[in-house]
Amino acid sequence: MLERCGKENIENYGDNKLIVNFPFIEDEFGYNILLGFGDKCECLEPAHVREEVIRRIKNMLNVYRS
């Protein structure tokens, strides 16, 4: 996170958690970066990005349910 976001964009949240202002471009590459964090990351906002991440996770889950 430090390399990608810079120290000024990382805030300690307690219990080994961080809040990070993540520089993000809404394209395939950007969403792949977010999804690459797996369950170690939760997108809090903006709402439309969070909803798109959820949609993509559901699509991935459907691949494995088929």
N, C-alpha and C. Protein backbone atom coordinates (compact mmCIF):
# COMPACT_ATOMS: atom_id res chain seq x y z
N MET A 1 0.81 -1.19 0.00
CA MET A 1 0.00 0.00 0.00
C MET A 1 0.85 1.25 0.00
N LEU A 2 1.92 1.21 0.77
CA LEU A 2 2.78 2.38 0.88
C LEU A 2 3.33 2.79 -0.48
N GLU A 3 3.78 1.81 -1.26
CA GLU A 3 4.34 2.09 -2.58
C GLU A 3 3.29 2.61 -3.54
N ARG A 4 2.10 2.05 -3.48
CA ARG A 4 1.06 2.39 -4.44
C ARG A 4 0.34 3.69 -4.09
N CYS A 5 0.18 3.99 -2.79
CA CYS A 5 -0.65 5.12 -2.38
C CYS A 5 0.10 6.26 -1.73
N GLY A 6 1.25 5.99 -1.14
CA GLY A 6 1.99 7.01 -0.42
C GLY A 6 1.52 7.11 1.03
N LYS A 7 2.46 7.39 1.91
CA LYS A 7 2.18 7.43 3.35
C LYS A 7 1.08 8.43 3.71
N GLU A 8 1.01 9.54 2.99
CA GLU A 8 0.02 10.57 3.29
C GLU A 8 -1.42 10.13 3.03
N ASN A 9 -1.61 9.03 2.30
CA ASN A 9 -2.95 8.53 1.98
C ASN A 9 -3.34 7.31 2.81
N ILE A 10 -2.56 6.99 3.83
CA ILE A 10 -2.82 5.82 4.66
C ILE A 10 -3.03 6.26 6.10
N GLU A 11 -4.14 5.80 6.67
CA GLU A 11 -4.50 6.16 8.04
C GLU A 11 -4.70 4.88 8.85
N ASN A 12 -4.10 4.79 10.02
CA ASN A 12 -4.27 3.64 10.88
C ASN A 12 -5.69 3.63 11.43
N TYR A 13 -6.35 2.48 11.36
CA TYR A 13 -7.74 2.36 11.80
C TYR A 13 -7.88 1.46 13.03
N GLY A 14 -6.77 0.89 13.50
CA GLY A 14 -6.78 0.01 14.66
C GLY A 14 -6.97 -1.44 14.28
N ASP A 15 -6.65 -2.33 15.21
CA ASP A 15 -6.76 -3.78 14.98
C ASP A 15 -6.13 -4.23 13.67
N ASN A 16 -4.95 -3.72 13.38
CA ASN A 16 -4.22 -4.06 12.15
C ASN A 16 -5.01 -3.72 10.89
N LYS A 17 -5.82 -2.67 10.94
CA LYS A 17 -6.58 -2.23 9.78
C LYS A 17 -6.13 -0.84 9.38
N LEU A 18 -6.28 -0.55 8.10
CA LEU A 18 -5.92 0.75 7.56
C LEU A 18 -7.08 1.29 6.73
N ILE A 19 -7.17 2.60 6.68
CA ILE A 19 -8.05 3.25 5.70
C ILE A 19 -7.11 3.91 4.71
N VAL A 20 -7.32 3.59 3.44
CA VAL A 20 -6.41 4.05 2.40
C VAL A 20 -7.19 4.81 1.35
N ASN A 21 -6.70 5.99 1.00
CA ASN A 21 -7.22 6.73 -0.14
C ASN A 21 -6.46 6.20 -1.35
N PHE A 22 -7.10 5.28 -2.05
CA PHE A 22 -6.45 4.52 -3.13
C PHE A 22 -6.66 5.22 -4.47
N PRO A 23 -5.58 5.59 -5.14
CA PRO A 23 -5.73 6.21 -6.47
C PRO A 23 -6.27 5.16 -7.44
N PHE A 24 -7.41 5.44 -8.03
CA PHE A 24 -8.12 4.41 -8.79
C PHE A 24 -8.68 5.00 -10.07
N ILE A 25 -8.44 4.29 -11.15
CA ILE A 25 -9.02 4.64 -12.45
C ILE A 25 -10.04 3.55 -12.77
N GLU A 26 -11.26 3.96 -13.06
CA GLU A 26 -12.34 3.00 -13.32
C GLU A 26 -12.20 2.38 -14.70
N ASP A 27 -11.33 1.37 -14.77
CA ASP A 27 -11.19 0.58 -15.97
C ASP A 27 -10.89 -0.85 -15.55
N GLU A 28 -10.73 -1.74 -16.51
CA GLU A 28 -10.49 -3.15 -16.19
C GLU A 28 -9.27 -3.32 -15.30
N PHE A 29 -8.21 -2.61 -15.60
CA PHE A 29 -6.98 -2.70 -14.82
C PHE A 29 -7.23 -2.28 -13.38
N GLY A 30 -7.93 -1.17 -13.19
CA GLY A 30 -8.22 -0.67 -11.85
C GLY A 30 -9.04 -1.65 -11.03
N TYR A 31 -10.09 -2.19 -11.65
CA TYR A 31 -10.91 -3.16 -10.93
C TYR A 31 -10.13 -4.45 -10.66
N ASN A 32 -9.28 -4.85 -11.56
CA ASN A 32 -8.45 -6.04 -11.32
C ASN A 32 -7.51 -5.83 -10.14
N ILE A 33 -6.99 -4.62 -9.99
CA ILE A 33 -6.14 -4.32 -8.83
C ILE A 33 -6.95 -4.48 -7.54
N LEU A 34 -8.12 -3.85 -7.51
CA LEU A 34 -8.97 -3.95 -6.31
C LEU A 34 -9.32 -5.39 -5.99
N LEU A 35 -9.73 -6.14 -7.00
CA LEU A 35 -10.11 -7.54 -6.78
C LEU A 35 -8.91 -8.39 -6.39
N GLY A 36 -7.72 -7.98 -6.80
CA GLY A 36 -6.51 -8.71 -6.47
C GLY A 36 -6.18 -8.69 -4.98
N PHE A 37 -6.73 -7.73 -4.26
CA PHE A 37 -6.53 -7.70 -2.81
C PHE A 37 -7.36 -8.75 -2.10
N GLY A 38 -8.32 -9.32 -2.81
CA GLY A 38 -9.15 -10.38 -2.25
C GLY A 38 -9.88 -9.94 -1.00
N ASP A 39 -9.87 -10.80 0.00
CA ASP A 39 -10.58 -10.49 1.24
C ASP A 39 -9.76 -9.65 2.21
N LYS A 40 -8.63 -9.14 1.74
CA LYS A 40 -7.77 -8.27 2.56
C LYS A 40 -8.12 -6.80 2.36
N CYS A 41 -9.14 -6.53 1.57
CA CYS A 41 -9.49 -5.16 1.23
C CYS A 41 -11.00 -5.05 1.09
N GLU A 42 -11.56 -3.94 1.53
CA GLU A 42 -12.97 -3.65 1.31
C GLU A 42 -13.08 -2.24 0.74
N CYS A 43 -13.73 -2.12 -0.38
CA CYS A 43 -13.98 -0.82 -0.98
C CYS A 43 -15.15 -0.18 -0.25
N LEU A 44 -14.91 0.95 0.39
CA LEU A 44 -15.96 1.62 1.16
C LEU A 44 -16.73 2.64 0.33
N GLU A 45 -16.03 3.33 -0.54
CA GLU A 45 -16.67 4.35 -1.37
C GLU A 45 -15.77 4.69 -2.54
N PRO A 46 -16.29 5.28 -3.58
CA PRO A 46 -17.66 5.71 -3.78
C PRO A 46 -18.60 4.52 -3.99
N ALA A 47 -19.87 4.74 -3.73
CA ALA A 47 -20.87 3.66 -3.76
C ALA A 47 -20.91 2.94 -5.10
N HIS A 48 -20.80 3.68 -6.20
CA HIS A 48 -20.90 3.02 -7.51
C HIS A 48 -19.70 2.10 -7.77
N VAL A 49 -18.53 2.42 -7.24
CA VAL A 49 -17.37 1.54 -7.39
C VAL A 49 -17.57 0.30 -6.52
N ARG A 50 -18.03 0.50 -5.29
CA ARG A 50 -18.32 -0.62 -4.40
C ARG A 50 -19.32 -1.57 -5.05
N GLU A 51 -20.39 -1.02 -5.63
CA GLU A 51 -21.41 -1.85 -6.29
C GLU A 51 -20.83 -2.61 -7.48
N GLU A 52 -19.94 -1.99 -8.23
CA GLU A 52 -19.31 -2.66 -9.36
C GLU A 52 -18.40 -3.79 -8.88
N VAL A 53 -17.68 -3.57 -7.79
CA VAL A 53 -16.83 -4.62 -7.22
C VAL A 53 -17.71 -5.80 -6.80
N ILE A 54 -18.81 -5.52 -6.14
CA ILE A 54 -19.74 -6.58 -5.72
C ILE A 54 -20.27 -7.34 -6.93
N ARG A 55 -20.63 -6.61 -7.99
CA ARG A 55 -21.15 -7.26 -9.21
C ARG A 55 -20.11 -8.19 -9.80
N ARG A 56 -18.87 -7.75 -9.85
CA ARG A 56 -17.81 -8.57 -10.42
C ARG A 56 -17.52 -9.80 -9.56
N ILE A 57 -17.59 -9.65 -8.25
CA ILE A 57 -17.39 -10.79 -7.36
C ILE A 57 -18.51 -11.81 -7.57
N LYS A 58 -19.74 -11.35 -7.69
CA LYS A 58 -20.87 -12.26 -7.95
C LYS A 58 -20.69 -12.99 -9.27
N ASN A 59 -20.22 -12.29 -10.29
CA ASN A 59 -19.97 -12.93 -11.59
C ASN A 59 -18.90 -14.01 -11.46
N MET A 60 -17.86 -13.73 -10.69
CA MET A 60 -16.80 -14.74 -10.48
C MET A 60 -17.37 -15.94 -9.75
N LEU A 61 -18.19 -15.71 -8.75
CA LEU A 61 -18.80 -16.80 -8.00
C LEU A 61 -19.66 -17.67 -8.90
N ASN A 62 -20.39 -17.04 -9.81
CA ASN A 62 -21.24 -17.80 -10.74
C ASN A 62 -20.42 -18.73 -11.62
N VAL A 63 -19.21 -18.34 -11.96
CA VAL A 63 -18.34 -19.21 -12.77
C VAL A 63 -18.07 -20.52 -12.03
N TYR A 64 -17.85 -20.42 -10.73
CA TYR A 64 -17.52 -21.61 -9.94
C TYR A 64 -18.74 -22.40 -9.52
N ARG A 65 -19.90 -21.80 -9.55
CA ARG A 65 -21.13 -22.53 -9.24
C ARG A 65 -21.63 -23.34 -10.42
N SER A 66 -21.25 -22.97 -11.62
CA SER A 66 -21.75 -23.65 -12.84
C SER A 66 -21.19 -25.05 -12.96
